[in-house]
Amino acid sequence: MAKKHNPRFLAIVEAAREDIQECTAKDLESLLAEGAIVIDVREKYEFENGHLQGAIHIGKGVLERDIEKHEFSIDSKLVLYCGGGFRSAIAVKSLKEMGYTDVYSLWGGWRGILSEGLETSK
């Protein structure tokens, strides 16, 4: 069963989606081949329960504060994901506002990763 989100949250997500790049789980293989770095922006307990193999965890709540603790250049190809693509869309918009130039939100998020059968770990 799909989650029911409140209308104001959905409005923020839709506004972000109009202003960002998105990809799907099917696109990940080619993005990874291009050197993309994958960031899981879900809560820590979600990440610990399972994540895309090789993903880095930086929770959405601390992303802007902690992104520069990692050695990503401003033009690094970054793919952010959450559970379904809502939180990651907002997170990508925020990174774009910080000057990051090649950032994608994974539409479908964790559920898309699982449905594509991509390699995961705990």
Protein backbone atom coordinates (compact mmCIF):
# COMPACT_ATOMS: atom_id res chain seq x y z
CA MET A 1 0.00 0.00 0.00
CA ALA A 2 1.34 3.42 -0.96
CA LYS A 3 1.94 6.01 1.72
CA LYS A 4 -0.49 8.90 1.97
CA HIS A 5 1.37 12.19 2.19
CA ASN A 6 -0.09 15.52 3.18
CA PRO A 7 -0.86 18.02 0.40
CA ARG A 8 1.64 20.67 1.50
CA PHE A 9 4.48 18.13 1.50
CA LEU A 10 3.43 16.91 -1.95
CA ALA A 11 3.38 20.49 -3.23
CA ILE A 12 6.97 21.00 -2.05
CA VAL A 13 8.01 17.72 -3.68
CA GLU A 14 6.32 18.56 -6.98
CA ALA A 15 7.90 22.03 -7.05
CA ALA A 16 11.31 20.47 -6.44
CA ARG A 17 10.76 17.84 -9.15
CA GLU A 18 10.14 20.60 -11.70
CA ASP A 19 13.57 22.05 -10.97
CA ILE A 20 15.84 18.99 -10.66
CA GLN A 21 17.22 16.03 -12.59
CA GLU A 22 15.70 12.63 -11.86
CA CYS A 23 16.61 9.09 -12.77
CA THR A 24 15.15 5.65 -12.15
CA ALA A 25 16.68 2.49 -10.75
CA LYS A 26 17.04 1.28 -14.36
CA ASP A 27 19.32 4.27 -15.01
CA LEU A 28 21.64 3.55 -12.07
CA GLU A 29 23.96 1.12 -13.83
CA SER A 30 24.89 3.65 -16.51
CA LEU A 31 25.18 6.49 -13.98
CA LEU A 32 27.47 4.36 -11.81
CA ALA A 33 29.56 3.53 -14.90
CA GLU A 34 29.93 7.31 -15.37
CA GLY A 35 31.31 7.55 -11.83
CA ALA A 36 28.18 8.56 -9.93
CA ILE A 37 28.29 8.54 -6.15
CA VAL A 38 25.09 7.27 -4.52
CA ILE A 39 23.87 8.89 -1.31
CA ASP A 40 21.08 7.41 0.79
CA VAL A 41 19.26 10.29 2.48
CA ARG A 42 16.87 8.14 4.52
CA GLU A 43 16.95 7.91 8.30
CA LYS A 44 19.86 5.93 9.78
CA TYR A 45 17.63 3.02 10.86
CA GLU A 46 16.29 2.75 7.29
CA PHE A 47 19.83 2.64 5.91
CA GLU A 48 20.88 0.04 8.47
CA ASN A 49 17.90 -2.17 7.53
CA GLY A 50 19.17 -2.30 3.94
CA HIS A 51 20.68 -0.03 1.32
CA LEU A 52 22.13 -0.06 -2.18
CA GLN A 53 25.55 -1.71 -2.16
CA GLY A 54 28.17 1.04 -2.02
CA ALA A 55 25.78 3.83 -1.05
CA ILE A 56 26.94 6.45 1.42
CA HIS A 57 24.56 7.47 4.18
CA ILE A 58 23.96 11.18 4.78
CA GLY A 59 20.51 11.70 6.25
CA LYS A 60 18.32 14.40 4.73
CA GLY A 61 18.20 16.19 8.06
CA VAL A 62 21.96 16.83 8.06
CA LEU A 63 22.73 16.78 4.33
CA GLU A 64 23.46 20.48 3.88
CA ARG A 65 25.57 20.53 7.03
CA ASP A 66 27.55 17.36 6.32
CA ILE A 67 27.87 17.12 2.51
CA GLU A 68 31.13 19.07 2.54
CA LYS A 69 32.66 16.67 5.09
CA HIS A 70 32.97 14.32 2.11
CA GLU A 71 35.42 15.00 -0.68
CA PHE A 72 32.89 15.51 -3.46
CA SER A 73 33.62 18.28 -5.89
CA ILE A 74 30.83 20.69 -6.68
CA ASP A 75 30.45 19.01 -10.08
CA SER A 76 30.56 15.37 -8.87
CA LYS A 77 27.78 13.22 -10.29
CA LEU A 78 25.61 12.46 -7.24
CA VAL A 79 22.49 10.29 -7.09
CA LEU A 80 20.35 10.70 -3.97
CA TYR A 81 17.64 8.27 -2.93
CA CYS A 82 15.12 7.82 -0.16
CA GLY A 83 12.16 5.45 0.15
CA GLY A 84 10.29 6.56 -2.94
CA GLY A 85 11.85 9.72 -4.35
CA PHE A 86 10.05 12.41 -2.38
CA ARG A 87 12.63 13.30 0.28
CA SER A 88 15.46 12.89 -2.22
CA ALA A 89 13.81 15.37 -4.61
CA ILE A 90 13.78 18.02 -1.89
CA ALA A 91 17.37 17.12 -0.94
CA VAL A 92 18.57 17.42 -4.56
CA LYS A 93 16.94 20.84 -4.86
CA SER A 94 18.79 21.91 -1.74
CA LEU A 95 22.15 20.70 -3.08
CA LYS A 96 21.43 22.45 -6.36
CA GLU A 97 20.83 25.67 -4.40
CA MET A 98 24.21 25.08 -2.71
CA GLY A 99 25.87 25.02 -6.13
CA TYR A 100 26.13 21.29 -6.90
CA THR A 101 25.70 20.93 -10.64
CA ASP A 102 25.21 17.25 -11.47
CA VAL A 103 22.80 15.84 -8.90
CA TYR A 104 19.95 13.38 -9.49
CA SER A 105 17.04 12.21 -7.40
CA LEU A 106 16.20 8.54 -7.81
CA TRP A 107 12.47 8.45 -8.55
CA GLY A 108 11.11 5.29 -6.95
CA GLY A 109 13.92 5.30 -4.39
CA TRP A 110 14.55 2.24 -2.26
CA ARG A 111 11.42 0.54 -3.57
CA GLY A 112 12.73 1.00 -7.12
CA ILE A 113 16.12 -0.42 -6.16
CA LEU A 114 14.44 -3.51 -4.71
CA SER A 115 12.08 -3.98 -7.66
CA GLU A 116 15.02 -3.75 -10.10
CA GLY A 117 16.88 -6.40 -8.11
CA LEU A 118 19.96 -4.23 -7.62
CA GLU A 119 22.63 -5.37 -5.19
CA THR A 120 21.88 -4.35 -1.63
CA SER A 121 23.50 -4.85 1.76
CA LYS A 122 22.85 -4.32 5.45
